[in-house]
C-alpha atoms as a PDB file:
ATOM      1  CA  MET A   1      13.707 109.109 -25.242  1.00  0.00           C
ATOM      2  CA  GLU A   2      14.827 107.588 -28.573  1.00  0.00           C
ATOM      3  CA  ASN A   3      14.902 103.913 -29.562  1.00  0.00           C
ATOM      4  CA  THR A   4      19.199 104.017 -29.401  1.00  0.00           C
ATOM      5  CA  ASN A   5      19.240 105.056 -25.976  1.00  0.00           C
ATOM      6  CA  GLU A   6      16.119 102.550 -24.908  1.00  0.00           C
ATOM      7  CA  LYS A   7      18.259  99.986 -26.181  1.00  0.00           C
ATOM      8  CA  LEU A   8      21.415 101.314 -24.406  1.00  0.00           C
ATOM      9  CA  ILE A   9      19.385 101.561 -20.721  1.00  0.00           C
ATOM     10  CA  ASP A  10      17.800  97.609 -21.776  1.00  0.00           C
ATOM     11  CA  ASP A  11      21.321  96.648 -21.922  1.00  0.00           C
ATOM     12  CA  LEU A  12      22.500  98.464 -19.215  1.00  0.00           C
ATOM     13  CA  ASN A  13      19.961  96.953 -16.836  1.00  0.00           C
ATOM     14  CA  HIS A  14      20.645  93.564 -18.342  1.00  0.00           C
ATOM     15  CA  LEU A  15      24.064  93.378 -16.876  1.00  0.00           C
ATOM     16  CA  LEU A  16      22.835  95.316 -13.879  1.00  0.00           C
ATOM     17  CA  THR A  17      20.625  92.038 -13.338  1.00  0.00           C
ATOM     18  CA  ILE A  18      23.393  89.771 -13.817  1.00  0.00           C
ATOM     19  CA  CYS A  19      25.563  91.875 -11.514  1.00  0.00           C
ATOM     20  CA  ASN A  20      23.606  91.550  -8.926  1.00  0.00           C
ATOM     21  CA  ASP A  21      23.030  87.602  -9.621  1.00  0.00           C
ATOM     22  CA  GLY A  22      26.399  87.268  -9.408  1.00  0.00           C
ATOM     23  CA  LYS A  23      26.963  89.154  -6.157  1.00  0.00           C
ATOM     24  CA  TYR A  24      24.432  87.192  -4.436  1.00  0.00           C
ATOM     25  CA  GLY A  25      25.401  84.007  -5.789  1.00  0.00           C
ATOM     26  CA  TYR A  26      28.634  84.632  -4.575  1.00  0.00           C
ATOM     27  CA  GLU A  27      27.145  85.859  -1.268  1.00  0.00           C
ATOM     28  CA  THR A  28      25.423  82.284  -1.183  1.00  0.00           C
ATOM     29  CA  ALA A  29      28.568  80.465  -2.144  1.00  0.00           C
ATOM     30  CA  ALA A  30      30.938  82.053   0.898  1.00  0.00           C
ATOM     31  CA  GLU A  31      28.248  81.036   3.237  1.00  0.00           C
ATOM     32  CA  ASP A  32      28.615  77.207   2.727  1.00  0.00           C
ATOM     33  CA  ALA A  33      31.988  77.255   1.661  1.00  0.00           C
ATOM     34  CA  ASP A  34      33.810  74.692   3.422  1.00  0.00           C
ATOM     35  CA  SER A  35      37.170  76.549   3.267  1.00  0.00           C
ATOM     36  CA  ALA A  36      38.381  79.682   4.248  1.00  0.00           C
ATOM     37  CA  ALA A  37      40.110  80.200   0.662  1.00  0.00           C
ATOM     38  CA  LEU A  38      37.083  79.567  -1.310  1.00  0.00           C
ATOM     39  CA  LYS A  39      34.972  82.027   1.416  1.00  0.00           C
ATOM     40  CA  GLY A  40      37.481  84.524   0.547  1.00  0.00           C
ATOM     41  CA  MET A  41      36.599  84.056  -3.102  1.00  0.00           C
ATOM     42  CA  PHE A  42      33.411  84.294  -2.988  1.00  0.00           C
ATOM     43  CA  LEU A  43      33.563  87.209  -1.022  1.00  0.00           C
ATOM     44  CA  ALA A  44      35.642  88.936  -3.002  1.00  0.00           C
ATOM     45  CA  TYR A  45      33.713  88.572  -6.153  1.00  0.00           C
ATOM     46  CA  SER A  46      30.567  89.326  -4.587  1.00  0.00           C
ATOM     47  CA  LEU A  47      31.954  92.351  -3.308  1.00  0.00           C
ATOM     48  CA  GLN A  48      33.173  92.912  -6.821  1.00  0.00           C
ATOM     49  CA  ARG A  49      29.848  92.263  -8.011  1.00  0.00           C
ATOM     50  CA  ALA A  50      27.811  95.177  -6.442  1.00  0.00           C
ATOM     51  CA  ASP A  51      30.509  97.644  -7.294  1.00  0.00           C
ATOM     52  CA  PHE A  52      29.940  96.827 -10.911  1.00  0.00           C
ATOM     53  CA  ALA A  53      26.299  97.250 -10.369  1.00  0.00           C
ATOM     54  CA  ASN A  54      26.739 100.868  -8.840  1.00  0.00           C
ATOM     55  CA  VAL A  55      28.681 101.989 -11.653  1.00  0.00           C
ATOM     56  CA  LEU A  56      26.408 100.267 -13.864  1.00  0.00           C
ATOM     57  CA  ARG A  57      22.983 102.175 -12.039  1.00  0.00           C
ATOM     58  CA  GLN A  58      25.155 105.337 -12.135  1.00  0.00           C
ATOM     59  CA  GLU A  59      25.997 104.933 -16.061  1.00  0.00           C
ATOM     60  CA  ILE A  60      22.112 104.060 -16.269  1.00  0.00           C
ATOM     61  CA  THR A  61      20.818 107.119 -14.411  1.00  0.00           C
ATOM     62  CA  LYS A  62      23.418 109.358 -17.093  1.00  0.00           C
ATOM     63  CA  ALA A  63      21.563 107.924 -19.753  1.00  0.00           C
ATOM     64  CA  GLY A  64      18.154 108.707 -18.322  1.00  0.00           C
ATOM     65  CA  GLY A  65      16.856 105.302 -17.305  1.00  0.00           C
ATOM     66  CA  ASP A  66      15.712 103.896 -13.486  1.00  0.00           C
ATOM     67  CA  PRO A  67      18.087 101.509 -13.206  1.00  0.00           C
ATOM     68  CA  ASP A  68      16.462  98.065 -12.073  1.00  0.00           C
ATOM     69  CA  LYS A  69      15.255  97.720  -8.597  1.00  0.00           C
ATOM     70  CA  GLY A  70      15.756  93.844  -8.556  1.00  0.00           C
ATOM     71  CA  GLY A  71      15.742  92.685 -12.142  1.00  0.00           C
ATOM     72  CA  GLY A  72      12.823  92.355 -13.878  1.00  0.00           C
ATOM     73  CA  PRO A  73      11.132  89.369 -16.307  1.00  0.00           C
ATOM     74  CA  LEU A  74      14.488  89.540 -18.877  1.00  0.00           C
ATOM     75  CA  GLY A  75      16.868  88.702 -15.485  1.00  0.00           C
ATOM     76  CA  ALA A  76      14.310  85.824 -14.034  1.00  0.00           C
ATOM     77  CA  ILE A  77      14.843  84.417 -17.779  1.00  0.00           C
ATOM     78  CA  HIS A  78      18.664  84.592 -17.387  1.00  0.00           C
ATOM     79  CA  ARG A  79      19.732  83.993 -14.085  1.00  0.00           C
ATOM     80  CA  ALA A  80      22.084  81.449 -14.501  1.00  0.00           C
ATOM     81  CA  TRP A  81      23.313  81.924 -10.719  1.00  0.00           C
ATOM     82  CA  ILE A  82      20.021  80.261  -9.401  1.00  0.00           C
ATOM     83  CA  ASP A  83      21.964  76.586  -9.995  1.00  0.00           C
ATOM     84  CA  VAL A  84      24.548  77.587  -7.098  1.00  0.00           C
ATOM     85  CA  LYS A  85      21.862  77.933  -4.548  1.00  0.00           C
ATOM     86  CA  SER A  86      20.727  74.269  -5.238  1.00  0.00           C
ATOM     87  CA  ALA A  87      24.636  73.040  -6.063  1.00  0.00           C
ATOM     88  CA  LEU A  88      24.925  74.225  -2.466  1.00  0.00           C
ATOM     89  CA  SER A  89      22.286  72.144  -1.130  1.00  0.00           C
ATOM     90  CA  SER A  90      24.757  69.383  -1.681  1.00  0.00           C
ATOM     91  CA  LYS A  91      27.796  70.984   0.113  1.00  0.00           C
ATOM     92  CA  ASP A  92      29.399  70.104  -2.889  1.00  0.00           C
ATOM     93  CA  ASN A  93      32.629  72.199  -3.971  1.00  0.00           C
ATOM     94  CA  LYS A  94      32.837  71.082  -7.290  1.00  0.00           C
ATOM     95  CA  ALA A  95      29.174  71.487  -8.366  1.00  0.00           C
ATOM     96  CA  VAL A  96      29.028  74.938  -6.555  1.00  0.00           C
ATOM     97  CA  LEU A  97      32.058  75.861  -8.475  1.00  0.00           C
ATOM     98  CA  GLY A  98      30.279  74.406 -11.546  1.00  0.00           C
ATOM     99  CA  ALA A  99      27.775  76.768 -10.843  1.00  0.00           C
ATOM    100  CA  CYS A 100      29.747  79.781 -10.681  1.00  0.00           C
ATOM    101  CA  VAL A 101      31.608  78.715 -14.026  1.00  0.00           C
ATOM    102  CA  THR A 102      28.302  78.814 -15.427  1.00  0.00           C
ATOM    103  CA  GLY A 103      27.084  82.091 -13.921  1.00  0.00           C
ATOM    104  CA  GLU A 104      30.531  83.651 -15.401  1.00  0.00           C
ATOM    105  CA  LYS A 105      30.281  82.587 -18.565  1.00  0.00           C
ATOM    106  CA  ALA A 106      26.760  84.018 -19.263  1.00  0.00           C
ATOM    107  CA  ALA A 107      28.370  87.207 -17.943  1.00  0.00           C
ATOM    108  CA  VAL A 108      30.869  87.246 -20.193  1.00  0.00           C
ATOM    109  CA  SER A 109      28.679  86.767 -23.490  1.00  0.00           C
ATOM    110  CA  ALA A 110      25.877  89.329 -21.872  1.00  0.00           C
ATOM    111  CA  TYR A 111      29.168  91.567 -21.853  1.00  0.00           C
ATOM    112  CA  ASN A 112      30.101  90.770 -25.263  1.00  0.00           C
ATOM    113  CA  GLY A 113      26.535  91.228 -26.313  1.00  0.00           C
ATOM    114  CA  VAL A 114      26.310  94.625 -25.201  1.00  0.00           C
ATOM    115  CA  LEU A 115      29.758  95.868 -26.714  1.00  0.00           C
ATOM    116  CA  GLU A 116      28.650  94.651 -30.185  1.00  0.00           C
ATOM    117  CA  ASN A 117      26.938  98.303 -29.879  1.00  0.00           C
ATOM    118  CA  ILE A 118      28.648 100.605 -31.606  1.00  0.00           C
ATOM    119  CA  GLY A 119      26.945 103.374 -30.292  1.00  0.00           C
ATOM    120  CA  LEU A 120      28.229 103.614 -26.873  1.00  0.00           C
ATOM    121  CA  HIS A 121      30.629 106.541 -25.912  1.00  0.00           C
ATOM    122  CA  SER A 122      34.418 105.863 -25.290  1.00  0.00           C
ATOM    123  CA  GLU A 123      34.253 106.172 -21.781  1.00  0.00           C
ATOM    124  CA  LEU A 124      31.465 104.072 -20.972  1.00  0.00           C
ATOM    125  CA  ARG A 125      33.119 101.229 -23.074  1.00  0.00           C
ATOM    126  CA  SER A 126      36.146 101.209 -21.383  1.00  0.00           C
ATOM    127  CA  VAL A 127      34.457 100.660 -18.132  1.00  0.00           C
ATOM    128  CA  LEU A 128      31.982  97.521 -19.506  1.00  0.00           C
ATOM    129  CA  ASN A 129      35.486  96.305 -21.239  1.00  0.00           C
ATOM    130  CA  GLU A 130      37.332  96.395 -17.919  1.00  0.00           C
ATOM    131  CA  GLN A 131      34.210  94.796 -16.356  1.00  0.00           C
ATOM    132  CA  ARG A 132      34.201  92.392 -18.585  1.00  0.00           C
ATOM    133  CA  ARG A 133      38.129  91.457 -17.929  1.00  0.00           C
ATOM    134  CA  ASN A 134      37.534  91.151 -14.663  1.00  0.00           C
ATOM    135  CA  VAL A 135      34.444  88.967 -15.045  1.00  0.00           C
ATOM    136  CA  GLU A 136      36.593  86.743 -17.569  1.00  0.00           C
ATOM    137  CA  GLU A 137      39.363  86.863 -14.929  1.00  0.00           C
ATOM    138  CA  ALA A 138      36.760  85.194 -12.028  1.00  0.00           C
ATOM    139  CA  LEU A 139      36.138  82.952 -14.587  1.00  0.00           C
ATOM    140  CA  THR A 140      39.543  81.427 -15.800  1.00  0.00           C
ATOM    141  CA  LYS A 141      40.370  81.046 -11.847  1.00  0.00           C
ATOM    142  CA  VAL A 142      37.152  79.325 -10.744  1.00  0.00           C
ATOM    143  CA  GLU A 143      36.589  77.450 -13.727  1.00  0.00           C
ATOM    144  CA  GLY A 144      40.209  76.275 -13.021  1.00  0.00           C
ATOM    145  CA  LEU A 145      39.572  75.072  -9.253  1.00  0.00           C
ATOM    146  CA  HIS A 146      36.214  73.244 -10.974  1.00  0.00           C
ATOM    147  CA  ASN A 147      38.679  71.485 -12.927  1.00  0.00           C
ATOM    148  CA  THR A 148      40.907  70.365 -10.292  1.00  0.00           C
ATOM    149  CA  ILE A 149      39.132  69.242  -7.771  1.00  0.00           C
ATOM    150  CA  GLU A 150      37.716  65.378  -8.716  1.00  0.00           C
ATOM    151  CA  SER A 151      34.655  64.198  -9.514  1.00  0.00           C
END
């Protein structure tokens, strides 16, 4: 496998790890949400991230790589979503939403980094741009909710 393809596979696996982190983070947030509206929103975002992960697995396979099963060392270093679990222990909606904002900002940053790769074929670039747009929409929504809650 050539260097460019290895970099692409590594980048896609990094996005896969972040999507998996988001899926589990939102799933955890939904389990402990104290309002039906928050629970529904968190579950919807969890399912969305699972869909993103499935698409990324397919793209990694098309590129000749093996999708990471659960996120390797790179994922362990960049798991901004880990904060969700500790925020939930306090049952503090503002803290949970704040952790989600942190996770979504990390996801947008990761997508931006991968999209800087000028070697992406147009179909993959389109898929990644759409996923990033959806993450940005979630970030805007979650950040707005976070900002409306009194400390």
